[in-house]
Amino acid sequence: MKKIYITSGGFVGGYLKKHFKDNLTDNIEKADVIINTIGILKEEKHTFEDSHIKVLKELIQKAENKKFIHISALGSKKNHPAKYKHTKAVAEEIIKTSLDNYAILKPSIILGEGQKLYSDLEKFKNFPVLLVPDMKIQPVKIEKLTQFIERIIKEDLKGEFEVCGEEVISMKKLFKAIFLRFNKKSLIISAPKAVFKILLPVLSSAKIMSTEEYLMIEDNICKGEI
């Protein structure tokens, strides 16, 4: 059986470590497959540059003659105003120019137990009214992402893959589903990006929405099917 090295814990990395527990190695040198799950959504202890690019360059030096599976993000784009999406795209480019045996996965929002979005929204469960961005998403379950990673390893798939769920939904619908987990039925209203631009100074100071999060308000859906 192939030995797998997973670069981090967290929501995705932690799930993958449990799933592939019988094939894991803590020694990257002995691994046949490297799965890079390192990534941040906010710059707190680390910058996007450090987490998405600097660490990746160090991993690539150890990835020769190994399968390199990289979890990126749907909608990544060089020179995107959001540093998150820009650095994700730069990382993808580095992989493509440095390695031959790679698979880049670009998922929409990943859902499952341990997803930080659930705990983030729980803080607002007693709010009677919530504004959410008017945008479309195509969430994928962590189980489906894991199944596709299994397929990549077994079939030695290479290239770049968008990974989404079966249904395109609104962010409003996702929020409603999450709030049902808390047994809450707050009034959730979709609002265009322009409204959040006006409210951003207040939302930012209250640590509800950062400028980076505002810049990422846009549809996040797959072009094809995986």
Protein backbone atom coordinates (compact mmCIF):
# COMPACT_ATOMS: atom_id res chain seq x y z
CA MET A 1 0.00 0.00 0.00
CA LYS A 2 1.18 3.52 -0.76
CA LYS A 3 2.38 5.59 2.16
CA ILE A 4 0.68 8.97 2.54
CA TYR A 5 2.01 12.12 4.19
CA ILE A 6 -0.58 14.79 5.08
CA THR A 7 0.85 18.22 5.80
CA SER A 8 -1.55 19.55 8.43
CA GLY A 9 -4.48 18.87 10.72
CA GLY A 10 -7.44 21.20 10.75
CA PHE A 11 -10.82 20.40 9.25
CA VAL A 12 -9.72 18.84 5.95
CA GLY A 13 -6.33 17.50 7.04
CA GLY A 14 -7.77 16.01 10.23
CA TYR A 15 -10.52 14.19 8.34
CA LEU A 16 -8.06 12.84 5.78
CA LYS A 17 -5.72 11.62 8.51
CA LYS A 18 -8.54 9.61 10.07
CA HIS A 19 -9.61 8.22 6.71
CA PHE A 20 -6.11 7.21 5.60
CA LYS A 21 -4.87 6.25 9.08
CA ASP A 22 -3.68 2.82 7.97
CA ASN A 23 -1.52 4.33 5.23
CA LEU A 24 -0.08 7.37 7.02
CA THR A 25 3.56 8.14 7.58
CA ASP A 26 5.01 10.98 9.65
CA ASN A 27 8.18 10.87 7.58
CA ILE A 28 7.76 12.83 4.33
CA GLU A 29 10.88 11.18 2.91
CA LYS A 30 9.22 7.74 3.12
CA ALA A 31 5.93 8.88 1.57
CA ASP A 32 4.71 7.85 -1.86
CA VAL A 33 1.99 10.51 -1.77
CA ILE A 34 2.01 13.99 -0.26
CA ILE A 35 -1.34 15.67 0.38
CA ASN A 36 -0.96 19.37 1.06
CA THR A 37 -3.87 20.72 3.09
CA ILE A 38 -2.11 23.81 4.45
CA GLY A 39 -4.17 26.96 3.98
CA ILE A 40 -5.63 29.90 5.87
CA LEU A 41 -8.68 32.10 5.32
CA LYS A 42 -7.48 34.97 7.52
CA GLU A 43 -4.07 36.49 8.16
CA GLU A 44 -3.60 36.19 11.92
CA LYS A 45 -0.49 34.30 13.04
CA HIS A 46 0.61 33.73 9.45
CA THR A 47 0.33 35.58 6.14
CA PHE A 48 -1.21 34.20 2.95
CA GLU A 49 2.20 34.46 1.32
CA ASP A 50 3.82 32.32 4.02
CA SER A 51 1.05 29.73 4.23
CA HIS A 52 0.20 29.31 0.56
CA ILE A 53 3.53 29.99 -1.18
CA LYS A 54 6.55 29.85 1.11
CA VAL A 55 5.57 26.54 2.74
CA LEU A 56 4.66 25.09 -0.64
CA LYS A 57 8.10 25.84 -2.08
CA GLU A 58 9.67 23.97 0.84
CA LEU A 59 7.36 20.97 0.26
CA ILE A 60 8.12 20.84 -3.45
CA GLN A 61 11.80 20.34 -2.69
CA LYS A 62 10.82 17.07 -1.00
CA ALA A 63 8.23 15.98 -3.57
CA GLU A 64 10.49 14.59 -6.29
CA ASN A 65 9.35 11.11 -7.41
CA LYS A 66 6.21 11.40 -5.27
CA LYS A 67 2.55 12.01 -6.03
CA PHE A 68 1.71 15.57 -4.95
CA ILE A 69 -1.96 16.30 -4.21
CA HIS A 70 -2.67 19.93 -3.45
CA ILE A 71 -5.91 21.32 -2.00
CA SER A 72 -6.37 24.76 -3.53
CA ALA A 73 -9.59 26.76 -3.95
CA LEU A 74 -12.27 27.25 -6.55
CA GLY A 75 -12.04 30.72 -8.05
CA SER A 76 -8.33 31.19 -7.45
CA LYS A 77 -6.93 33.80 -9.81
CA LYS A 78 -3.66 35.66 -10.12
CA ASN A 79 -3.98 39.37 -9.32
CA HIS A 80 -7.38 38.81 -7.73
CA PRO A 81 -8.02 41.68 -5.28
CA ALA A 82 -8.38 39.10 -2.49
CA LYS A 83 -4.91 37.99 -1.40
CA TYR A 84 -6.32 34.57 -0.51
CA LYS A 85 -7.34 33.84 -4.10
CA HIS A 86 -4.23 35.44 -5.58
CA THR A 87 -1.80 33.41 -3.48
CA LYS A 88 -3.76 30.22 -4.13
CA ALA A 89 -3.36 30.83 -7.88
CA VAL A 90 0.36 31.59 -7.54
CA ALA A 91 0.79 28.33 -5.64
CA GLU A 92 -0.95 26.40 -8.42
CA GLU A 93 1.38 27.93 -10.99
CA ILE A 94 4.45 26.98 -8.95
CA ILE A 95 3.26 23.36 -8.77
CA LYS A 96 2.61 23.18 -12.51
CA THR A 97 6.06 24.51 -13.39
CA SER A 98 7.93 22.49 -10.74
CA LEU A 99 6.34 19.03 -10.74
CA ASP A 100 5.05 16.48 -13.23
CA ASN A 101 3.10 14.11 -11.01
CA TYR A 102 0.60 16.46 -9.38
CA ALA A 103 -3.14 16.79 -8.84
CA ILE A 104 -4.54 20.20 -7.91
CA LEU A 105 -8.01 20.10 -6.35
CA LYS A 106 -10.11 23.27 -6.44
CA PRO A 107 -13.16 22.75 -4.22
CA SER A 108 -16.04 25.09 -3.54
CA ILE A 109 -17.01 25.39 0.15
CA ILE A 110 -16.27 22.07 1.89
CA LEU A 111 -18.92 20.95 4.37
CA GLY A 112 -18.69 18.44 7.20
CA GLU A 113 -18.28 18.10 10.94
CA GLY A 114 -15.46 20.35 12.09
CA GLN A 115 -16.03 22.99 9.40
CA LYS A 116 -15.13 26.29 11.06
CA LEU A 117 -18.03 28.05 9.35
CA TYR A 118 -20.42 26.25 11.72
CA SER A 119 -18.76 27.55 14.87
CA ASP A 120 -18.32 31.02 13.35
CA LEU A 121 -22.04 31.28 12.61
CA GLU A 122 -23.07 29.90 15.99
CA LYS A 123 -22.02 33.26 17.47
CA PHE A 124 -24.90 34.85 15.56
CA LYS A 125 -27.57 32.25 16.31
CA ASN A 126 -29.55 34.65 18.52
CA PHE A 127 -29.59 37.48 15.98
CA PRO A 128 -33.20 37.96 14.75
CA VAL A 129 -32.05 39.18 11.32
CA LEU A 130 -28.93 38.41 9.28
CA LEU A 131 -27.67 39.81 5.99
CA VAL A 132 -25.81 37.39 3.73
CA PRO A 133 -24.07 38.01 0.39
CA ASP A 134 -26.19 37.43 -2.69
CA MET A 135 -23.99 34.80 -4.33
CA LYS A 136 -24.17 31.23 -5.62
CA ILE A 137 -22.07 28.41 -4.26
CA GLN A 138 -21.74 24.67 -4.90
CA PRO A 139 -20.73 23.11 -1.57
CA VAL A 140 -19.03 19.73 -1.57
CA LYS A 141 -19.11 17.29 1.33
CA ILE A 142 -15.78 16.31 2.85
CA GLU A 143 -16.68 12.66 2.15
CA LYS A 144 -16.94 13.31 -1.59
CA LEU A 145 -13.64 15.19 -1.62
CA THR A 146 -12.01 12.28 0.18
CA GLN A 147 -13.45 9.75 -2.28
CA PHE A 148 -12.00 11.73 -5.16
CA ILE A 149 -8.58 11.86 -3.48
CA GLU A 150 -8.76 8.07 -3.13
CA ARG A 151 -9.49 7.83 -6.84
CA ILE A 152 -6.56 10.10 -7.69
CA ILE A 153 -4.21 7.85 -5.74
CA LYS A 154 -5.58 4.56 -7.11
CA GLU A 155 -5.81 5.67 -10.74
CA ASP A 156 -2.79 7.98 -10.62
CA LEU A 157 -4.82 10.88 -12.00
CA LYS A 158 -2.90 14.04 -12.87
CA GLY A 159 -3.89 17.62 -13.58
CA GLU A 160 -6.24 20.25 -12.21
CA PHE A 161 -9.75 19.42 -11.00
CA GLU A 162 -12.66 21.53 -9.83
CA VAL A 163 -14.55 19.72 -7.07
CA CYS A 164 -18.15 20.63 -6.25
CA GLY A 165 -21.35 19.13 -4.94
CA GLU A 166 -24.35 18.21 -7.05
CA GLU A 167 -26.41 21.32 -6.24
CA VAL A 168 -25.83 25.02 -6.88
CA ILE A 169 -27.41 26.96 -4.02
CA SER A 170 -27.50 30.48 -2.65
CA MET A 171 -25.46 31.51 0.36
CA LYS A 172 -28.81 32.29 1.97
CA LYS A 173 -29.88 28.65 1.63
CA LEU A 174 -26.61 27.45 3.18
CA PHE A 175 -27.00 29.82 6.14
CA LYS A 176 -30.58 28.65 6.68
CA ALA A 177 -29.44 25.02 6.73
CA ILE A 178 -26.67 25.79 9.22
CA PHE A 179 -28.99 27.75 11.51
CA LEU A 180 -31.35 24.77 11.62
CA ARG A 181 -28.48 22.91 13.28
CA PHE A 182 -28.81 25.42 16.11
CA ASN A 183 -32.63 25.09 16.15
CA LYS A 184 -32.88 28.73 15.11
CA LYS A 185 -35.01 30.35 12.43
CA SER A 186 -33.56 33.83 12.10
CA LEU A 187 -34.70 36.00 9.21
CA ILE A 188 -31.91 35.68 6.64
CA ILE A 189 -31.83 38.25 3.86
CA SER A 190 -29.65 38.21 0.74
CA ALA A 191 -27.98 41.53 -0.05
CA PRO A 192 -25.81 42.58 -3.01
CA LYS A 193 -22.09 43.20 -2.65
CA ALA A 194 -22.66 46.96 -2.83
CA VAL A 195 -24.55 46.86 0.47
CA PHE A 196 -21.64 45.13 2.21
CA LYS A 197 -19.26 47.74 0.80
CA ILE A 198 -21.27 50.44 2.57
CA LEU A 199 -21.45 48.42 5.79
CA LEU A 200 -17.83 47.23 5.68
CA PRO A 201 -16.36 49.79 8.13
CA VAL A 202 -18.91 48.72 10.76
CA LEU A 203 -18.68 45.01 9.97
CA SER A 204 -14.89 45.13 10.02
CA SER A 205 -14.65 46.93 13.36
CA ALA A 206 -17.11 44.44 14.83
CA LYS A 207 -15.03 41.58 13.38
CA ILE A 208 -18.01 40.25 11.45
CA MET A 209 -16.54 40.69 7.96
CA SER A 210 -12.99 41.61 6.96
CA THR A 211 -11.98 43.46 3.82
CA GLU A 212 -10.53 40.18 2.53
CA GLU A 213 -13.86 38.41 3.02
CA TYR A 214 -15.69 41.26 1.31
CA LEU A 215 -13.40 40.99 -1.71
CA MET A 216 -14.30 37.31 -2.05
CA ILE A 217 -18.03 37.94 -2.46
CA GLU A 218 -18.65 36.36 -5.86
CA ASP A 219 -20.24 33.21 -7.25
CA ASN A 220 -18.25 30.07 -6.43
CA ILE A 221 -19.46 27.27 -8.71
CA CYS A 222 -17.81 24.65 -10.91
CA LYS A 223 -17.62 24.85 -14.69
CA GLY A 224 -17.68 21.06 -15.07
CA GLU A 225 -18.51 18.05 -12.89
CA ILE A 226 -16.37 16.03 -10.52
